Amino acid sequence: SGIDAESVARMRLQNKFKTGLDIAKYTAAI
């Protein structure tokens, strides 16, 4: 109950790429 859903969502959106491979795949497409 002490965990706020909007705070979690904010942190998730602030950390859009979880790994370097996520970055490599995203940027290769660009």
PDB file of all heavy atoms in Angstrom:
ATOM      1  N   SER A   1       0.811  -1.219   0.000  1.00  0.00           N
ATOM      2  CA  SER A   1       0.000   0.000   0.000  1.00  0.00           C
ATOM      3  C   SER A   1       0.847   1.273   0.000  1.00  0.00           C
ATOM      4  O   SER A   1       0.359   2.348  -0.357  1.00  0.00           O
ATOM      5  CB  SER A   1      -0.932   0.002   1.221  1.00  0.00           C
ATOM      6  OG  SER A   1      -0.168  -0.033   2.425  1.00  0.00           O
ATOM      7  N   GLY A   2       2.100   1.166   0.403  1.00  0.00           N
ATOM      8  CA  GLY A   2       2.965   2.340   0.411  1.00  0.00           C
ATOM      9  C   GLY A   2       3.595   2.656  -0.934  1.00  0.00           C
ATOM     10  O   GLY A   2       4.330   3.648  -1.059  1.00  0.00           O
ATOM     11  N   ILE A   3       3.313   1.832  -1.927  1.00  0.00           N
ATOM     12  CA  ILE A   3       3.873   2.040  -3.265  1.00  0.00           C
ATOM     13  C   ILE A   3       2.851   2.778  -4.116  1.00  0.00           C
ATOM     14  O   ILE A   3       1.720   2.308  -4.302  1.00  0.00           O
ATOM     15  CB  ILE A   3       4.246   0.701  -3.936  1.00  0.00           C
ATOM     16  CG1 ILE A   3       5.167  -0.119  -3.029  1.00  0.00           C
ATOM     17  CG2 ILE A   3       4.892   0.947  -5.302  1.00  0.00           C
ATOM     18  CD1 ILE A   3       6.487   0.541  -2.717  1.00  0.00           C
ATOM     19  N   ASP A   4       3.236   3.931  -4.638  1.00  0.00           N
ATOM     20  CA  ASP A   4       2.333   4.769  -5.425  1.00  0.00           C
ATOM     21  C   ASP A   4       2.457   4.440  -6.909  1.00  0.00           C
ATOM     22  O   ASP A   4       3.551   4.471  -7.477  1.00  0.00           O
ATOM     23  CB  ASP A   4       2.660   6.241  -5.189  1.00  0.00           C
ATOM     24  CG  ASP A   4       1.811   7.161  -6.042  1.00  0.00           C
ATOM     25  OD1 ASP A   4       0.596   7.233  -5.800  1.00  0.00           O
ATOM     26  OD2 ASP A   4       2.370   7.789  -6.962  1.00  0.00           O
ATOM     27  N   ALA A   5       1.344   4.141  -7.540  1.00  0.00           N
ATOM     28  CA  ALA A   5       1.352   3.702  -8.937  1.00  0.00           C
ATOM     29  C   ALA A   5       1.890   4.779  -9.877  1.00  0.00           C
ATOM     30  O   ALA A   5       2.651   4.479 -10.811  1.00  0.00           O
ATOM     31  CB  ALA A   5      -0.060   3.296  -9.366  1.00  0.00           C
ATOM     32  N   GLU A   6       1.515   6.031  -9.645  1.00  0.00           N
ATOM     33  CA  GLU A   6       1.990   7.079 -10.550  1.00  0.00           C
ATOM     34  C   GLU A   6       3.496   7.284 -10.405  1.00  0.00           C
ATOM     35  O   GLU A   6       4.195   7.536 -11.391  1.00  0.00           O
ATOM     36  CB  GLU A   6       1.256   8.395 -10.309  1.00  0.00           C
ATOM     37  CG  GLU A   6       1.649   9.466 -11.323  1.00  0.00           C
ATOM     38  CD  GLU A   6       0.700  10.645 -11.358  1.00  0.00           C
ATOM     39  OE1 GLU A   6      -0.172  10.758 -10.461  1.00  0.00           O
ATOM     40  OE2 GLU A   6       0.811  11.465 -12.290  1.00  0.00           O
ATOM     41  N   SER A   7       4.006   7.132  -9.192  1.00  0.00           N
ATOM     42  CA  SER A   7       5.453   7.257  -9.000  1.00  0.00           C
ATOM     43  C   SER A   7       6.190   6.145  -9.730  1.00  0.00           C
ATOM     44  O   SER A   7       7.242   6.367 -10.341  1.00  0.00           O
ATOM     45  CB  SER A   7       5.794   7.218  -7.507  1.00  0.00           C
ATOM     46  OG  SER A   7       5.200   8.303  -6.828  1.00  0.00           O
ATOM     47  N   VAL A   8       5.655   4.933  -9.690  1.00  0.00           N
ATOM     48  CA  VAL A   8       6.249   3.813 -10.423  1.00  0.00           C
ATOM     49  C   VAL A   8       6.236   4.102 -11.918  1.00  0.00           C
ATOM     50  O   VAL A   8       7.233   3.903 -12.625  1.00  0.00           O
ATOM     51  CB  VAL A   8       5.496   2.497 -10.126  1.00  0.00           C
ATOM     52  CG1 VAL A   8       5.971   1.379 -11.064  1.00  0.00           C
ATOM     53  CG2 VAL A   8       5.675   2.087  -8.672  1.00  0.00           C
ATOM     54  N   ALA A   9       5.097   4.587 -12.418  1.00  0.00           N
ATOM     55  CA  ALA A   9       4.984   4.895 -13.847  1.00  0.00           C
ATOM     56  C   ALA A   9       5.999   5.956 -14.253  1.00  0.00           C
ATOM     57  O   ALA A   9       6.622   5.869 -15.316  1.00  0.00           O
ATOM     58  CB  ALA A   9       3.571   5.372 -14.169  1.00  0.00           C
ATOM     59  N   ARG A  10       6.181   6.933 -13.394  1.00  0.00           N
ATOM     60  CA  ARG A  10       7.151   7.984 -13.706  1.00  0.00           C
ATOM     61  C   ARG A  10       8.571   7.417 -13.789  1.00  0.00           C
ATOM     62  O   ARG A  10       9.328   7.735 -14.705  1.00  0.00           O
ATOM     63  CB  ARG A  10       7.072   9.086 -12.647  1.00  0.00           C
ATOM     64  CG  ARG A  10       5.804   9.913 -12.747  1.00  0.00           C
ATOM     65  CD  ARG A  10       5.742  11.024 -11.698  1.00  0.00           C
ATOM     66  NE  ARG A  10       4.577  11.877 -11.922  1.00  0.00           N
ATOM     67  CZ  ARG A  10       4.325  12.999 -11.271  1.00  0.00           C
ATOM     68  NH1 ARG A  10       5.187  13.430 -10.343  1.00  0.00           N
ATOM     69  NH2 ARG A  10       3.243  13.711 -11.543  1.00  0.00           N
ATOM     70  N   MET A  11       8.918   6.586 -12.838  1.00  0.00           N
ATOM     71  CA  MET A  11      10.258   5.993 -12.855  1.00  0.00           C
ATOM     72  C   MET A  11      10.459   5.112 -14.081  1.00  0.00           C
ATOM     73  O   MET A  11      11.529   5.108 -14.693  1.00  0.00           O
ATOM     74  CB  MET A  11      10.485   5.198 -11.573  1.00  0.00           C
ATOM     75  CG  MET A  11      10.527   6.068 -10.323  1.00  0.00           C
ATOM     76  SD  MET A  11      10.648   5.123  -8.788  1.00  0.00           S
ATOM     77  CE  MET A  11      12.388   4.671  -8.826  1.00  0.00           C
ATOM     78  N   ARG A  12       9.424   4.386 -14.449  1.00  0.00           N
ATOM     79  CA  ARG A  12       9.532   3.520 -15.634  1.00  0.00           C
ATOM     80  C   ARG A  12       9.748   4.346 -16.899  1.00  0.00           C
ATOM     81  O   ARG A  12      10.573   3.990 -17.752  1.00  0.00           O
ATOM     82  CB  ARG A  12       8.278   2.652 -15.758  1.00  0.00           C
ATOM     83  CG  ARG A  12       8.225   1.498 -14.785  1.00  0.00           C
ATOM     84  CD  ARG A  12       6.941   0.692 -14.930  1.00  0.00           C
ATOM     85  NE  ARG A  12       6.985  -0.525 -14.129  1.00  0.00           N
ATOM     86  CZ  ARG A  12       5.960  -1.368 -13.981  1.00  0.00           C
ATOM     87  NH1 ARG A  12       4.799  -1.110 -14.596  1.00  0.00           N
ATOM     88  NH2 ARG A  12       6.093  -2.460 -13.242  1.00  0.00           N
ATOM     89  N   LEU A  13       9.002   5.428 -17.039  1.00  0.00           N
ATOM     90  CA  LEU A  13       9.154   6.262 -18.226  1.00  0.00           C
ATOM     91  C   LEU A  13      10.493   6.994 -18.229  1.00  0.00           C
ATOM     92  O   LEU A  13      11.016   7.338 -19.294  1.00  0.00           O
ATOM     93  CB  LEU A  13       8.006   7.268 -18.311  1.00  0.00           C
ATOM     94  CG  LEU A  13       6.614   6.674 -18.586  1.00  0.00           C
ATOM     95  CD1 LEU A  13       5.562   7.764 -18.588  1.00  0.00           C
ATOM     96  CD2 LEU A  13       6.588   5.914 -19.905  1.00  0.00           C
ATOM     97  N   GLN A  14      11.049   7.218 -17.049  1.00  0.00           N
ATOM     98  CA  GLN A  14      12.372   7.850 -16.973  1.00  0.00           C
ATOM     99  C   GLN A  14      13.487   6.870 -17.288  1.00  0.00           C
ATOM    100  O   GLN A  14      14.634   7.279 -17.463  1.00  0.00           O
ATOM    101  CB  GLN A  14      12.585   8.435 -15.568  1.00  0.00           C
ATOM    102  CG  GLN A  14      11.819   9.724 -15.325  1.00  0.00           C
ATOM    103  CD  GLN A  14      11.982  10.219 -13.899  1.00  0.00           C
ATOM    104  OE1 GLN A  14      11.643   9.520 -12.948  1.00  0.00           O
ATOM    105  NE2 GLN A  14      12.511  11.416 -13.746  1.00  0.00           N
ATOM    106  N   ASN A  15      13.172   5.599 -17.359  1.00  0.00           N
ATOM    107  CA  ASN A  15      14.159   4.559 -17.652  1.00  0.00           C
ATOM    108  C   ASN A  15      13.642   3.727 -18.820  1.00  0.00           C
ATOM    109  O   ASN A  15      13.317   2.553 -18.688  1.00  0.00           O
ATOM    110  CB  ASN A  15      14.402   3.692 -16.414  1.00  0.00           C
ATOM    111  CG  ASN A  15      15.483   2.659 -16.629  1.00  0.00           C
ATOM    112  OD1 ASN A  15      16.383   2.844 -17.453  1.00  0.00           O
ATOM    113  ND2 ASN A  15      15.409   1.561 -15.909  1.00  0.00           N
ATOM    114  N   LYS A  16      13.568   4.361 -19.986  1.00  0.00           N
ATOM    115  CA  LYS A  16      12.918   3.738 -21.142  1.00  0.00           C
ATOM    116  C   LYS A  16      13.708   2.557 -21.700  1.00  0.00           C
ATOM    117  O   LYS A  16      13.152   1.681 -22.345  1.00  0.00           O
ATOM    118  CB  LYS A  16      12.725   4.785 -22.243  1.00  0.00           C
ATOM    119  CG  LYS A  16      11.843   5.944 -21.835  1.00  0.00           C
ATOM    120  CD  LYS A  16      11.881   7.061 -22.868  1.00  0.00           C
ATOM    121  CE  LYS A  16      11.061   8.249 -22.410  1.00  0.00           C
ATOM    122  NZ  LYS A  16      11.148   9.374 -23.346  1.00  0.00           N
ATOM    123  N   PHE A  17      15.008   2.565 -21.510  1.00  0.00           N
ATOM    124  CA  PHE A  17      15.866   1.514 -22.058  1.00  0.00           C
ATOM    125  C   PHE A  17      16.450   0.710 -20.898  1.00  0.00           C
ATOM    126  O   PHE A  17      17.185   1.248 -20.068  1.00  0.00           O
ATOM    127  CB  PHE A  17      16.995   2.114 -22.890  1.00  0.00           C
ATOM    128  CG  PHE A  17      16.512   2.934 -24.049  1.00  0.00           C
ATOM    129  CD1 PHE A  17      16.376   4.309 -23.934  1.00  0.00           C
ATOM    130  CD2 PHE A  17      16.189   2.334 -25.259  1.00  0.00           C
ATOM    131  CE1 PHE A  17      15.946   5.076 -25.001  1.00  0.00           C
ATOM    132  CE2 PHE A  17      15.742   3.089 -26.332  1.00  0.00           C
ATOM    133  CZ  PHE A  17      15.617   4.468 -26.198  1.00  0.00           C
ATOM    134  N   LYS A  18      16.134  -0.553 -20.845  1.00  0.00           N
ATOM    135  CA  LYS A  18      16.580  -1.381 -19.719  1.00  0.00           C
ATOM    136  C   LYS A  18      17.984  -1.914 -19.918  1.00  0.00           C
ATOM    137  O   LYS A  18      18.697  -2.176 -18.948  1.00  0.00           O
ATOM    138  CB  LYS A  18      15.597  -2.545 -19.508  1.00  0.00           C
ATOM    139  CG  LYS A  18      14.153  -2.112 -19.300  1.00  0.00           C
ATOM    140  CD  LYS A  18      13.998  -1.183 -18.101  1.00  0.00           C
ATOM    141  CE  LYS A  18      12.560  -0.814 -17.819  1.00  0.00           C
ATOM    142  NZ  LYS A  18      12.016   0.210 -18.738  1.00  0.00           N
ATOM    143  N   THR A  19      18.398  -2.114 -21.166  1.00  0.00           N
ATOM    144  CA  THR A  19      19.725  -2.671 -21.448  1.00  0.00           C
ATOM    145  C   THR A  19      20.345  -1.974 -22.653  1.00  0.00           C
ATOM    146  O   THR A  19      19.656  -1.298 -23.426  1.00  0.00           O
ATOM    147  CB  THR A  19      19.651  -4.177 -21.754  1.00  0.00           C
ATOM    148  OG1 THR A  19      19.013  -4.363 -23.035  1.00  0.00           O
ATOM    149  CG2 THR A  19      18.895  -4.945 -20.679  1.00  0.00           C
ATOM    150  N   GLY A  20      21.656  -2.179 -22.808  1.00  0.00           N
ATOM    151  CA  GLY A  20      22.332  -1.671 -23.987  1.00  0.00           C
ATOM    152  C   GLY A  20      21.797  -2.280 -25.266  1.00  0.00           C
ATOM    153  O   GLY A  20      21.748  -1.614 -26.312  1.00  0.00           O
ATOM    154  N   LEU A  21      21.386  -3.543 -25.206  1.00  0.00           N
ATOM    155  CA  LEU A  21      20.827  -4.178 -26.404  1.00  0.00           C
ATOM    156  C   LEU A  21      19.518  -3.524 -26.819  1.00  0.00           C
ATOM    157  O   LEU A  21      19.226  -3.409 -28.016  1.00  0.00           O
ATOM    158  CB  LEU A  21      20.614  -5.676 -26.165  1.00  0.00           C
ATOM    159  CG  LEU A  21      21.851  -6.558 -26.283  1.00  0.00           C
ATOM    160  CD1 LEU A  21      21.493  -8.012 -25.992  1.00  0.00           C
ATOM    161  CD2 LEU A  21      22.476  -6.449 -27.677  1.00  0.00           C
ATOM    162  N   ASP A  22      18.717  -3.091 -25.845  1.00  0.00           N
ATOM    163  CA  ASP A  22      17.504  -2.339 -26.187  1.00  0.00           C
ATOM    164  C   ASP A  22      17.869  -1.087 -26.981  1.00  0.00           C
ATOM    165  O   ASP A  22      17.201  -0.728 -27.952  1.00  0.00           O
ATOM    166  CB  ASP A  22      16.762  -1.928 -24.912  1.00  0.00           C
ATOM    167  CG  ASP A  22      16.166  -3.103 -24.164  1.00  0.00           C
ATOM    168  OD1 ASP A  22      15.924  -4.144 -24.790  1.00  0.00           O
ATOM    169  OD2 ASP A  22      15.961  -2.977 -22.943  1.00  0.00           O
ATOM    170  N   ILE A  23      18.940  -0.432 -26.545  1.00  0.00           N
ATOM    171  CA  ILE A  23      19.392   0.785 -27.235  1.00  0.00           C
ATOM    172  C   ILE A  23      19.874   0.452 -28.636  1.00  0.00           C
ATOM    173  O   ILE A  23      19.533   1.131 -29.615  1.00  0.00           O
ATOM    174  CB  ILE A  23      20.498   1.472 -26.422  1.00  0.00           C
ATOM    175  CG1 ILE A  23      19.935   2.032 -25.117  1.00  0.00           C
ATOM    176  CG2 ILE A  23      21.164   2.586 -27.235  1.00  0.00           C
ATOM    177  CD1 ILE A  23      20.983   2.554 -24.153  1.00  0.00           C
ATOM    178  N   ALA A  24      20.689  -0.602 -28.766  1.00  0.00           N
ATOM    179  CA  ALA A  24      21.233  -0.972 -30.072  1.00  0.00           C
ATOM    180  C   ALA A  24      20.114  -1.297 -31.062  1.00  0.00           C
ATOM    181  O   ALA A  24      20.168  -0.895 -32.233  1.00  0.00           O
ATOM    182  CB  ALA A  24      22.183  -2.152 -29.930  1.00  0.00           C
ATOM    183  N   LYS A  25      19.094  -2.016 -30.616  1.00  0.00           N
ATOM    184  CA  LYS A  25      17.988  -2.378 -31.503  1.00  0.00           C
ATOM    185  C   LYS A  25      17.180  -1.142 -31.905  1.00  0.00           C
ATOM    186  O   LYS A  25      16.816  -0.974 -33.075  1.00  0.00           O
ATOM    187  CB  LYS A  25      17.084  -3.401 -30.805  1.00  0.00           C
ATOM    188  CG  LYS A  25      17.738  -4.760 -30.606  1.00  0.00           C
ATOM    189  CD  LYS A  25      16.857  -5.699 -29.780  1.00  0.00           C
ATOM    190  CE  LYS A  25      17.554  -7.022 -29.538  1.00  0.00           C
ATOM    191  NZ  LYS A  25      16.757  -7.936 -28.689  1.00  0.00           N
ATOM    192  N   TYR A  26      16.917  -0.280 -30.942  1.00  0.00           N
ATOM    193  CA  TYR A  26      16.145   0.928 -31.214  1.00  0.00           C
ATOM    194  C   TYR A  26      16.886   1.855 -32.171  1.00  0.00           C
ATOM    195  O   TYR A  26      16.318   2.360 -33.155  1.00  0.00           O
ATOM    196  CB  TYR A  26      15.846   1.637 -29.888  1.00  0.00           C
ATOM    197  CG  TYR A  26      15.258   3.008 -30.038  1.00  0.00           C
ATOM    198  CD1 TYR A  26      13.939   3.182 -30.462  1.00  0.00           C
ATOM    199  CD2 TYR A  26      16.007   4.139 -29.727  1.00  0.00           C
ATOM    200  CE1 TYR A  26      13.390   4.453 -30.591  1.00  0.00           C
ATOM    201  CE2 TYR A  26      15.461   5.417 -29.855  1.00  0.00           C
ATOM    202  CZ  TYR A  26      14.161   5.564 -30.289  1.00  0.00           C
ATOM    203  OH  TYR A  26      13.624   6.819 -30.422  1.00  0.00           O
ATOM    204  N   THR A  27      18.164   2.081 -31.917  1.00  0.00           N
ATOM    205  CA  THR A  27      18.915   3.032 -32.732  1.00  0.00           C
ATOM    206  C   THR A  27      19.263   2.474 -34.108  1.00  0.00           C
ATOM    207  O   THR A  27      19.387   3.230 -35.075  1.00  0.00           O
ATOM    208  CB  THR A  27      20.189   3.485 -31.997  1.00  0.00           C
ATOM    209  OG1 THR A  27      20.952   2.337 -31.602  1.00  0.00           O
ATOM    210  CG2 THR A  27      19.828   4.302 -30.764  1.00  0.00           C
ATOM    211  N   ALA A  28      19.430   1.147 -34.212  1.00  0.00           N
ATOM    212  CA  ALA A  28      19.680   0.556 -35.528  1.00  0.00           C
ATOM    213  C   ALA A  28      18.491   0.823 -36.459  1.00  0.00           C
ATOM    214  O   ALA A  28      18.676   1.139 -37.643  1.00  0.00           O
ATOM    215  CB  ALA A  28      19.933  -0.946 -35.406  1.00  0.00           C
ATOM    216  N   ALA A  29      17.274   0.706 -35.925  1.00  0.00           N
ATOM    217  CA  ALA A  29      16.082   0.974 -36.735  1.00  0.00           C
ATOM    218  C   ALA A  29      16.042   2.432 -37.173  1.00  0.00           C
ATOM    219  O   ALA A  29      15.678   2.746 -38.318  1.00  0.00           O
ATOM    220  CB  ALA A  29      14.823   0.618 -35.942  1.00  0.00           C
ATOM    221  N   ILE A  30      16.446   3.341 -36.279  1.00  0.00           N
ATOM    222  CA  ILE A  30      16.497   4.759 -36.635  1.00  0.00           C
ATOM    223  C   ILE A  30      17.493   4.980 -37.764  1.00  0.00           C
ATOM    224  O   ILE A  30      17.211   5.671 -38.754  1.00  0.00           O
ATOM    225  CB  ILE A  30      16.897   5.604 -35.402  1.00  0.00           C
ATOM    226  CG1 ILE A  30      15.761   5.638 -34.392  1.00  0.00           C
ATOM    227  CG2 ILE A  30      17.279   7.023 -35.824  1.00  0.00           C
ATOM    228  CD1 ILE A  30      16.132   6.303 -33.088  1.00  0.00           C
TER     229      ILE A  30
END
